[in-house]
Amino acid sequence: ELCDKSGLSRASFHRKVKRAVGLSAGDYQFLLRVVQAIDWLREDKKSLGEIALDLGFADQSHFGRKFRQFTGYSPHQYRKFLDWEIWHPAYQTQ
């Protein structure tokens, strides 16, 4: 779809993306999905299943596997990690 909108052939589009961002078009698109997932995990308003479906993953399990491959954490672990200031002793007021 982006190839059509850009007026470039698929091969030309992929070469230009690779030159511009240093990643394949597919990897760049996946990176953007992970960044959006991190934003939604930080907001803590959507369930993991909603995030998975909204980002175009087949299901929550597929999202979890891909997210863990990229970040080293499951989405659930990552969401809890974002709240580390709450439980970290250095941030507790006395």
C-alpha atoms as a PDB file:
ATOM      1  CA  GLU A   1       0.000   0.000   0.000  1.00  0.00           C
ATOM      2  CA  LEU A   2       2.777   2.460   0.870  1.00  0.00           C
ATOM      3  CA  CYS A   3       4.553   1.479  -2.333  1.00  0.00           C
ATOM      4  CA  ASP A   4       1.463   2.458  -4.315  1.00  0.00           C
ATOM      5  CA  LYS A   5       1.066   5.759  -2.459  1.00  0.00           C
ATOM      6  CA  SER A   6       4.727   6.623  -2.975  1.00  0.00           C
ATOM      7  CA  GLY A   7       4.576   5.881  -6.687  1.00  0.00           C
ATOM      8  CA  LEU A   8       7.613   3.608  -6.360  1.00  0.00           C
ATOM      9  CA  SER A   9       7.998  -0.025  -7.244  1.00  0.00           C
ATOM     10  CA  ARG A  10       8.119  -2.389  -4.283  1.00  0.00           C
ATOM     11  CA  ALA A  11      11.866  -2.942  -4.716  1.00  0.00           C
ATOM     12  CA  SER A  12      12.612   0.791  -5.000  1.00  0.00           C
ATOM     13  CA  PHE A  13      10.490   1.552  -1.951  1.00  0.00           C
ATOM     14  CA  HIS A  14      12.260  -1.084   0.143  1.00  0.00           C
ATOM     15  CA  ARG A  15      15.706   0.151  -0.958  1.00  0.00           C
ATOM     16  CA  LYS A  16      14.838   3.754  -0.065  1.00  0.00           C
ATOM     17  CA  VAL A  17      13.495   2.763   3.353  1.00  0.00           C
ATOM     18  CA  LYS A  18      16.614   0.681   4.024  1.00  0.00           C
ATOM     19  CA  ARG A  19      18.853   3.623   3.040  1.00  0.00           C
ATOM     20  CA  ALA A  20      16.843   6.125   5.079  1.00  0.00           C
ATOM     21  CA  VAL A  21      16.441   4.241   8.359  1.00  0.00           C
ATOM     22  CA  GLY A  22      18.955   1.408   8.177  1.00  0.00           C
ATOM     23  CA  LEU A  23      16.289  -1.271   8.520  1.00  0.00           C
ATOM     24  CA  SER A  24      14.222  -3.265   6.081  1.00  0.00           C
ATOM     25  CA  ALA A  25      10.698  -1.922   5.564  1.00  0.00           C
ATOM     26  CA  GLY A  26       9.290  -4.889   7.491  1.00  0.00           C
ATOM     27  CA  ASP A  27      11.682  -4.429  10.422  1.00  0.00           C
ATOM     28  CA  TYR A  28      10.957  -0.703  10.504  1.00  0.00           C
ATOM     29  CA  GLN A  29       7.216  -1.346  10.520  1.00  0.00           C
ATOM     30  CA  PHE A  30       7.679  -3.848  13.360  1.00  0.00           C
ATOM     31  CA  LEU A  31       9.761  -1.309  15.307  1.00  0.00           C
ATOM     32  CA  LEU A  32       6.949   1.235  14.977  1.00  0.00           C
ATOM     33  CA  ARG A  33       4.471  -1.351  16.273  1.00  0.00           C
ATOM     34  CA  VAL A  34       6.666  -2.071  19.300  1.00  0.00           C
ATOM     35  CA  VAL A  35       7.047   1.654  20.038  1.00  0.00           C
ATOM     36  CA  GLN A  36       3.257   2.034  19.910  1.00  0.00           C
ATOM     37  CA  ALA A  37       2.857  -1.011  22.169  1.00  0.00           C
ATOM     38  CA  ILE A  38       5.264   0.494  24.707  1.00  0.00           C
ATOM     39  CA  ASP A  39       3.254   3.732  24.719  1.00  0.00           C
ATOM     40  CA  TRP A  40       0.032   1.809  25.311  1.00  0.00           C
ATOM     41  CA  LEU A  41       1.655  -0.353  27.994  1.00  0.00           C
ATOM     42  CA  ARG A  42       2.808   2.823  29.730  1.00  0.00           C
ATOM     43  CA  GLU A  43      -0.705   4.313  29.623  1.00  0.00           C
ATOM     44  CA  ASP A  44      -2.091   1.095  31.178  1.00  0.00           C
ATOM     45  CA  LYS A  45      -5.558   1.686  29.698  1.00  0.00           C
ATOM     46  CA  LYS A  46      -5.735  -1.231  27.259  1.00  0.00           C
ATOM     47  CA  SER A  47      -5.556  -4.919  27.970  1.00  0.00           C
ATOM     48  CA  LEU A  48      -2.735  -6.902  26.382  1.00  0.00           C
ATOM     49  CA  GLY A  49      -5.270  -8.558  24.090  1.00  0.00           C
ATOM     50  CA  GLU A  50      -6.581  -5.182  22.921  1.00  0.00           C
ATOM     51  CA  ILE A  51      -3.047  -3.947  22.261  1.00  0.00           C
ATOM     52  CA  ALA A  52      -2.249  -7.101  20.286  1.00  0.00           C
ATOM     53  CA  LEU A  53      -5.319  -6.828  18.080  1.00  0.00           C
ATOM     54  CA  ASP A  54      -5.034  -3.041  17.635  1.00  0.00           C
ATOM     55  CA  LEU A  55      -1.465  -3.495  16.398  1.00  0.00           C
ATOM     56  CA  GLY A  56      -2.471  -6.185  13.922  1.00  0.00           C
ATOM     57  CA  PHE A  57      -1.108  -9.269  15.656  1.00  0.00           C
ATOM     58  CA  ALA A  58      -3.052 -12.508  15.236  1.00  0.00           C
ATOM     59  CA  ASP A  59      -3.614 -12.781  18.996  1.00  0.00           C
ATOM     60  CA  GLN A  60      -2.129 -11.911  22.377  1.00  0.00           C
ATOM     61  CA  SER A  61       0.207 -14.909  22.310  1.00  0.00           C
ATOM     62  CA  HIS A  62       1.727 -13.891  18.954  1.00  0.00           C
ATOM     63  CA  PHE A  63       2.158 -10.323  20.220  1.00  0.00           C
ATOM     64  CA  GLY A  64       3.806 -11.591  23.405  1.00  0.00           C
ATOM     65  CA  ARG A  65       6.309 -13.764  21.530  1.00  0.00           C
ATOM     66  CA  LYS A  66       7.311 -10.981  19.133  1.00  0.00           C
ATOM     67  CA  PHE A  67       7.483  -8.369  21.912  1.00  0.00           C
ATOM     68  CA  ARG A  68       9.710 -10.641  24.013  1.00  0.00           C
ATOM     69  CA  GLN A  69      12.003 -11.292  21.035  1.00  0.00           C
ATOM     70  CA  PHE A  70      12.475  -7.552  20.622  1.00  0.00           C
ATOM     71  CA  THR A  71      12.626  -6.337  24.244  1.00  0.00           C
ATOM     72  CA  GLY A  72      13.641  -9.422  26.227  1.00  0.00           C
ATOM     73  CA  TYR A  73      10.507  -9.034  28.362  1.00  0.00           C
ATOM     74  CA  SER A  74       6.929 -10.198  28.009  1.00  0.00           C
ATOM     75  CA  PRO A  75       4.431  -7.334  27.645  1.00  0.00           C
ATOM     76  CA  HIS A  76       3.170  -8.103  31.163  1.00  0.00           C
ATOM     77  CA  GLN A  77       6.708  -7.968  32.606  1.00  0.00           C
ATOM     78  CA  TYR A  78       7.411  -4.763  30.706  1.00  0.00           C
ATOM     79  CA  ARG A  79       4.246  -3.123  32.040  1.00  0.00           C
ATOM     80  CA  LYS A  80       5.267  -4.030  35.596  1.00  0.00           C
ATOM     81  CA  PHE A  81       8.821  -2.833  34.927  1.00  0.00           C
ATOM     82  CA  LEU A  82       7.430   0.584  33.972  1.00  0.00           C
ATOM     83  CA  ASP A  83       6.137   0.907  37.542  1.00  0.00           C
ATOM     84  CA  TRP A  84       9.540   0.187  39.118  1.00  0.00           C
ATOM     85  CA  GLU A  85       9.686   3.665  40.674  1.00  0.00           C
ATOM     86  CA  ILE A  86       6.705   2.728  42.812  1.00  0.00           C
ATOM     87  CA  TRP A  87       8.392  -0.262  44.436  1.00  0.00           C
ATOM     88  CA  HIS A  88      12.074   0.698  44.183  1.00  0.00           C
ATOM     89  CA  PRO A  89      13.389   1.656  47.682  1.00  0.00           C
ATOM     90  CA  ALA A  90      15.377   4.611  46.350  1.00  0.00           C
ATOM     91  CA  TYR A  91      12.116   6.266  45.279  1.00  0.00           C
ATOM     92  CA  GLN A  92      10.136   5.685  48.455  1.00  0.00           C
ATOM     93  CA  THR A  93       9.635   8.863  50.453  1.00  0.00           C
ATOM     94  CA  GLN A  94      10.349   8.809  54.120  1.00  0.00           C
END
